[in-house]
C-alpha atoms as a PDB file:
ATOM      1  CA  MET A   1      -4.325  -0.293  15.807  1.00  0.00           C
ATOM      2  CA  LYS A   2      -2.809   0.973  12.600  1.00  0.00           C
ATOM      3  CA  LEU A   3      -2.141  -1.270   9.594  1.00  0.00           C
ATOM      4  CA  TYR A   4      -0.139  -0.042   6.584  1.00  0.00           C
ATOM      5  CA  LEU A   5      -0.559  -1.948   3.318  1.00  0.00           C
ATOM      6  CA  LEU A   6       2.423  -1.822   0.961  1.00  0.00           C
ATOM      7  CA  GLY A   7       3.030  -3.203  -2.485  1.00  0.00           C
ATOM      8  CA  TYR A   8       3.272  -2.439  -6.143  1.00  0.00           C
ATOM      9  CA  MET A   9       0.382  -0.900  -8.062  1.00  0.00           C
ATOM     10  CA  TYR A  10      -2.369  -3.445  -8.719  1.00  0.00           C
ATOM     11  CA  SER A  11      -1.207  -5.636  -5.827  1.00  0.00           C
ATOM     12  CA  GLY A  12      -4.609  -5.183  -4.171  1.00  0.00           C
ATOM     13  CA  LYS A  13      -3.869  -2.600  -1.486  1.00  0.00           C
ATOM     14  CA  THR A  14      -7.185  -0.783  -1.891  1.00  0.00           C
ATOM     15  CA  THR A  15      -9.353  -3.855  -2.447  1.00  0.00           C
ATOM     16  CA  ILE A  16      -7.791  -5.930   0.336  1.00  0.00           C
ATOM     17  CA  GLY A  17      -7.568  -2.863   2.564  1.00  0.00           C
ATOM     18  CA  ARG A  18     -11.291  -2.153   2.330  1.00  0.00           C
ATOM     19  CA  CYS A  19     -12.187  -5.792   2.995  1.00  0.00           C
ATOM     20  CA  LEU A  20      -9.745  -6.026   5.891  1.00  0.00           C
ATOM     21  CA  ALA A  21     -11.025  -2.806   7.461  1.00  0.00           C
ATOM     22  CA  GLN A  22     -14.626  -3.961   7.151  1.00  0.00           C
ATOM     23  CA  GLN A  23     -13.840  -7.398   8.588  1.00  0.00           C
ATOM     24  CA  MET A  24     -11.975  -5.888  11.562  1.00  0.00           C
ATOM     25  CA  GLY A  25     -14.328  -2.966  12.173  1.00  0.00           C
ATOM     26  CA  LEU A  26     -11.628  -0.420  11.327  1.00  0.00           C
ATOM     27  CA  HIS A  27     -11.607   2.679   9.147  1.00  0.00           C
ATOM     28  CA  PHE A  28     -10.020   2.559   5.691  1.00  0.00           C
ATOM     29  CA  VAL A  29      -7.793   5.314   4.298  1.00  0.00           C
ATOM     30  CA  ASP A  30      -6.157   5.376   0.877  1.00  0.00           C
ATOM     31  CA  LEU A  31      -3.076   7.614   1.078  1.00  0.00           C
ATOM     32  CA  ASP A  32      -3.330   8.511  -2.626  1.00  0.00           C
ATOM     33  CA  HIS A  33      -6.964   9.616  -2.215  1.00  0.00           C
ATOM     34  CA  LEU A  34      -6.022  11.543   0.926  1.00  0.00           C
ATOM     35  CA  PHE A  35      -3.346  13.366  -1.097  1.00  0.00           C
ATOM     36  CA  GLU A  36      -5.749  14.163  -3.943  1.00  0.00           C
ATOM     37  CA  GLU A  37      -8.432  15.439  -1.585  1.00  0.00           C
ATOM     38  CA  HIS A  38      -5.991  17.566   0.397  1.00  0.00           C
ATOM     39  CA  TYR A  39      -4.300  19.139  -2.632  1.00  0.00           C
ATOM     40  CA  HIS A  40      -7.402  19.224  -4.873  1.00  0.00           C
ATOM     41  CA  THR A  41      -5.647  17.566  -7.812  1.00  0.00           C
ATOM     42  CA  SER A  42      -4.970  14.133  -9.208  1.00  0.00           C
ATOM     43  CA  ILE A  43      -1.569  12.582  -8.641  1.00  0.00           C
ATOM     44  CA  PRO A  44      -0.804  12.332 -12.398  1.00  0.00           C
ATOM     45  CA  LEU A  45      -1.584  16.044 -12.840  1.00  0.00           C
ATOM     46  CA  PHE A  46       0.524  16.929  -9.802  1.00  0.00           C
ATOM     47  CA  PHE A  47       3.430  14.838 -11.187  1.00  0.00           C
ATOM     48  CA  ASN A  48       3.188  16.569 -14.577  1.00  0.00           C
ATOM     49  CA  ARG A  49       3.063  20.029 -13.077  1.00  0.00           C
ATOM     50  CA  TYR A  50       5.499  19.827 -10.128  1.00  0.00           C
ATOM     51  CA  GLY A  51       7.520  16.646 -10.653  1.00  0.00           C
ATOM     52  CA  GLU A  52       8.126  13.530  -8.619  1.00  0.00           C
ATOM     53  CA  GLU A  53      10.429  15.141  -6.040  1.00  0.00           C
ATOM     54  CA  ALA A  54       7.747  17.632  -4.956  1.00  0.00           C
ATOM     55  CA  PHE A  55       5.172  14.837  -4.892  1.00  0.00           C
ATOM     56  CA  ARG A  56       7.333  12.580  -2.706  1.00  0.00           C
ATOM     57  CA  LYS A  57       7.918  15.355  -0.157  1.00  0.00           C
ATOM     58  CA  LEU A  58       4.199  16.063   0.181  1.00  0.00           C
ATOM     59  CA  GLU A  59       3.391  12.347   0.150  1.00  0.00           C
ATOM     60  CA  ARG A  60       5.750  11.954   3.120  1.00  0.00           C
ATOM     61  CA  GLN A  61       3.884  14.720   4.970  1.00  0.00           C
ATOM     62  CA  MET A  62       0.601  12.987   4.165  1.00  0.00           C
ATOM     63  CA  LEU A  63       2.026   9.701   5.511  1.00  0.00           C
ATOM     64  CA  HIS A  64       3.134  11.423   8.716  1.00  0.00           C
ATOM     65  CA  SER A  65      -0.359  12.875   9.132  1.00  0.00           C
ATOM     66  CA  THR A  66      -1.613   9.313   9.671  1.00  0.00           C
ATOM     67  CA  GLN A  67       0.259   9.237  12.989  1.00  0.00           C
ATOM     68  CA  THR A  68      -2.786  10.723  14.716  1.00  0.00           C
ATOM     69  CA  MET A  69      -5.160   8.123  13.250  1.00  0.00           C
ATOM     70  CA  ASP A  70      -6.188   5.014  15.143  1.00  0.00           C
ATOM     71  CA  ASN A  71      -8.189   1.885  14.330  1.00  0.00           C
ATOM     72  CA  VAL A  72      -7.344   2.251  10.658  1.00  0.00           C
ATOM     73  CA  VAL A  73      -6.104   0.333   7.628  1.00  0.00           C
ATOM     74  CA  ILE A  74      -3.993   2.596   5.401  1.00  0.00           C
ATOM     75  CA  SER A  75      -3.279   1.777   1.769  1.00  0.00           C
ATOM     76  CA  THR A  76      -0.018   3.460   0.781  1.00  0.00           C
ATOM     77  CA  GLY A  77       1.046   4.434  -2.703  1.00  0.00           C
ATOM     78  CA  GLY A  78       3.276   1.934  -4.482  1.00  0.00           C
ATOM     79  CA  GLY A  79       6.364   4.118  -4.059  1.00  0.00           C
ATOM     80  CA  THR A  80       5.622   5.469  -0.587  1.00  0.00           C
ATOM     81  CA  PRO A  81       7.850   3.035   1.360  1.00  0.00           C
ATOM     82  CA  CYS A  82      10.786   3.642  -0.993  1.00  0.00           C
ATOM     83  CA  TYR A  83      11.547   7.289  -0.245  1.00  0.00           C
ATOM     84  CA  PHE A  84      13.164   9.120   2.657  1.00  0.00           C
ATOM     85  CA  ASP A  85      12.821   7.109   5.875  1.00  0.00           C
ATOM     86  CA  ASN A  86       9.212   6.185   5.092  1.00  0.00           C
ATOM     87  CA  MET A  87       9.594   2.430   5.570  1.00  0.00           C
ATOM     88  CA  ASP A  88      11.252   2.838   8.961  1.00  0.00           C
ATOM     89  CA  TRP A  89       8.578   5.370   9.917  1.00  0.00           C
ATOM     90  CA  ILE A  90       5.777   3.009   8.861  1.00  0.00           C
ATOM     91  CA  ASN A  91       7.255   0.149  10.902  1.00  0.00           C
ATOM     92  CA  ALA A  92       7.643   2.421  13.932  1.00  0.00           C
ATOM     93  CA  HIS A  93       4.045   3.680  13.802  1.00  0.00           C
ATOM     94  CA  GLY A  94       2.020   0.619  12.873  1.00  0.00           C
ATOM     95  CA  THR A  95       2.027  -2.885  11.475  1.00  0.00           C
ATOM     96  CA  SER A  96       3.258  -3.069   7.883  1.00  0.00           C
ATOM     97  CA  ILE A  97       1.878  -5.642   5.467  1.00  0.00           C
ATOM     98  CA  PHE A  98       3.522  -6.305   2.103  1.00  0.00           C
ATOM     99  CA  LEU A  99       1.006  -7.496  -0.488  1.00  0.00           C
ATOM    100  CA  ASP A 100       3.180  -9.598  -2.753  1.00  0.00           C
ATOM    101  CA  ALA A 101       1.973 -10.107  -6.331  1.00  0.00           C
ATOM    102  CA  SER A 102       3.867 -11.486  -9.324  1.00  0.00           C
ATOM    103  CA  ILE A 103       4.608  -9.443 -12.428  1.00  0.00           C
ATOM    104  CA  ASP A 104       2.123 -11.533 -14.413  1.00  0.00           C
ATOM    105  CA  ALA A 105      -0.639 -10.922 -11.850  1.00  0.00           C
ATOM    106  CA  ILE A 106       0.113  -7.186 -11.854  1.00  0.00           C
ATOM    107  CA  ILE A 107      -0.057  -7.051 -15.663  1.00  0.00           C
ATOM    108  CA  GLN A 108      -3.290  -9.041 -15.726  1.00  0.00           C
ATOM    109  CA  ARG A 109      -4.891  -6.719 -13.156  1.00  0.00           C
ATOM    110  CA  ALA A 110      -3.623  -3.642 -14.999  1.00  0.00           C
ATOM    111  CA  HIS A 111      -5.323  -4.817 -18.203  1.00  0.00           C
ATOM    112  CA  ALA A 112      -8.566  -5.575 -16.350  1.00  0.00           C
ATOM    113  CA  SER A 113      -8.648  -2.320 -14.378  1.00  0.00           C
ATOM    114  CA  ARG A 114     -10.900   0.623 -15.194  1.00  0.00           C
ATOM    115  CA  LYS A 115      -8.323   2.936 -13.606  1.00  0.00           C
ATOM    116  CA  GLN A 116      -5.313   3.043 -15.897  1.00  0.00           C
ATOM    117  CA  ARG A 117      -1.972   4.325 -14.649  1.00  0.00           C
ATOM    118  CA  PRO A 118      -0.278   6.851 -16.958  1.00  0.00           C
ATOM    119  CA  VAL A 119       3.159   5.393 -16.205  1.00  0.00           C
ATOM    120  CA  LEU A 120       2.024   2.079 -17.756  1.00  0.00           C
ATOM    121  CA  ALA A 121       0.197   3.544 -20.740  1.00  0.00           C
ATOM    122  CA  ASN A 122       1.331   3.117 -24.341  1.00  0.00           C
ATOM    123  CA  LYS A 123       3.797   0.331 -23.589  1.00  0.00           C
ATOM    124  CA  SER A 124       4.056  -2.843 -25.637  1.00  0.00           C
ATOM    125  CA  PRO A 125       3.588  -6.084 -23.649  1.00  0.00           C
ATOM    126  CA  GLU A 126       7.375  -6.550 -23.581  1.00  0.00           C
ATOM    127  CA  GLU A 127       8.012  -2.950 -22.489  1.00  0.00           C
ATOM    128  CA  LEU A 128       5.352  -3.245 -19.795  1.00  0.00           C
ATOM    129  CA  HIS A 129       6.867  -6.451 -18.414  1.00  0.00           C
ATOM    130  CA  THR A 130      10.379  -4.956 -18.424  1.00  0.00           C
ATOM    131  CA  PHE A 131       9.206  -1.701 -16.806  1.00  0.00           C
ATOM    132  CA  ILE A 132       7.391  -3.501 -13.976  1.00  0.00           C
ATOM    133  CA  GLN A 133      10.236  -5.976 -13.508  1.00  0.00           C
ATOM    134  CA  ASN A 134      12.799  -3.166 -13.184  1.00  0.00           C
ATOM    135  CA  GLN A 135      10.665  -1.039 -10.870  1.00  0.00           C
ATOM    136  CA  LEU A 136       9.806  -4.029  -8.674  1.00  0.00           C
ATOM    137  CA  ALA A 137      13.502  -4.892  -8.405  1.00  0.00           C
ATOM    138  CA  GLN A 138      14.141  -1.356  -7.091  1.00  0.00           C
ATOM    139  CA  ARG A 139      11.218  -1.436  -4.668  1.00  0.00           C
ATOM    140  CA  LEU A 140      11.405  -4.986  -3.289  1.00  0.00           C
ATOM    141  CA  PRO A 141      14.213  -4.186  -0.819  1.00  0.00           C
ATOM    142  CA  TYR A 142      11.806  -1.724   0.845  1.00  0.00           C
ATOM    143  CA  TYR A 143       8.671  -3.850   0.564  1.00  0.00           C
ATOM    144  CA  THR A 144      10.416  -6.830   2.128  1.00  0.00           C
ATOM    145  CA  LEU A 145      11.121  -4.798   5.283  1.00  0.00           C
ATOM    146  CA  ALA A 146       7.412  -5.122   6.058  1.00  0.00           C
ATOM    147  CA  GLN A 147       6.551  -6.954   9.258  1.00  0.00           C
ATOM    148  CA  ILE A 148       4.055  -9.247   7.508  1.00  0.00           C
ATOM    149  CA  HIS A 149       4.332 -10.661   3.976  1.00  0.00           C
ATOM    150  CA  PHE A 150       1.060 -11.686   2.374  1.00  0.00           C
ATOM    151  CA  PRO A 151       0.586 -13.442  -0.990  1.00  0.00           C
ATOM    152  CA  ALA A 152      -1.839 -11.164  -2.827  1.00  0.00           C
ATOM    153  CA  GLU A 153      -2.567 -13.071  -6.025  1.00  0.00           C
ATOM    154  CA  GLN A 154      -5.396 -15.121  -4.550  1.00  0.00           C
ATOM    155  CA  PRO A 155      -5.782 -13.395  -1.208  1.00  0.00           C
ATOM    156  CA  ASP A 156      -7.171 -15.361   1.716  1.00  0.00           C
ATOM    157  CA  LEU A 157      -8.402 -12.735   4.146  1.00  0.00           C
ATOM    158  CA  SER A 158      -8.874 -15.257   6.946  1.00  0.00           C
ATOM    159  CA  ALA A 159      -5.192 -16.234   6.608  1.00  0.00           C
ATOM    160  CA  LEU A 160      -4.202 -12.570   6.874  1.00  0.00           C
ATOM    161  CA  LEU A 161      -6.389 -12.144   9.953  1.00  0.00           C
ATOM    162  CA  ARG A 162      -4.648 -15.157  11.546  1.00  0.00           C
ATOM    163  CA  GLN A 163      -1.236 -13.658  10.734  1.00  0.00           C
ATOM    164  CA  LEU A 164      -2.283 -10.363  12.294  1.00  0.00           C
ATOM    165  CA  SER A 165      -3.564 -12.044  15.452  1.00  0.00           C
ATOM    166  CA  LEU A 166      -0.179 -13.745  15.866  1.00  0.00           C
ATOM    167  CA  HIS A 167       1.868 -10.624  15.189  1.00  0.00           C
ATOM    168  CA  PRO A 168       3.705  -9.466  18.356  1.00  0.00           C
ATOM    169  CA  THR A 169       2.253  -5.947  18.261  1.00  0.00           C
ATOM    170  CA  ASN A 170      -1.254  -7.393  18.261  1.00  0.00           C
ATOM    171  CA  GLN A 171      -0.983  -9.875  21.110  1.00  0.00           C
ATOM    172  CA  ASP A 172      -2.920  -7.815  23.665  1.00  0.00           C
ATOM    173  CA  PRO A 173      -6.592  -8.104  22.629  1.00  0.00           C
ATOM    174  CA  SER A 174      -7.541  -5.064  24.724  1.00  0.00           C
ATOM    175  CA  LYS A 175      -5.303  -2.923  22.498  1.00  0.00           C
ATOM    176  CA  SER A 176      -5.873  -4.397  19.068  1.00  0.00           C
ATOM    177  CA  GLY A 177      -9.347  -5.767  18.649  1.00  0.00           C
ATOM    178  CA  VAL A 178      -7.822  -8.639  16.654  1.00  0.00           C
ATOM    179  CA  GLY A 179      -7.671 -11.123  19.503  1.00  0.00           C
ATOM    180  CA  SER A 180     -11.442 -11.499  19.475  1.00  0.00           C
ATOM    181  CA  LEU A 181     -11.603 -12.748  15.856  1.00  0.00           C
END
């Protein structure tokens, strides 16, 4: 079983992913952390030094490296599904879950987070809202291709587990481990 979590930054991919993996007895992998460990640099530093195009190409390779993983929940970067054929690839190699959060929830989580994102820094409240609104509008067509849509503002993990158990790719309990929940 391979679950890919998609959504905008601060939608809860890492938090929900860890809880989901623990609940299901699966491993958890954060694609951004995998990238940083593999290339021995932070993503913001890589962006500044080599640019977004170079990052997206290597991010795609990192995504494809998950093909050999099994029994795993994978948190993707916010932009991962939006480049190349990544969304089609994700849907072909696992179950995709879109964590849907409103702009207001994203902004609230961004303010509360200890980990600030450089792309959101130094923006007025109006600029921040407009930036997120515009970027979400560009990304939603990709996110909505996910096989499962999950409201992430007040996540109910038991509801997500029920959705997963009903998903066609998870119907055979001997293959998924979900049927026994």
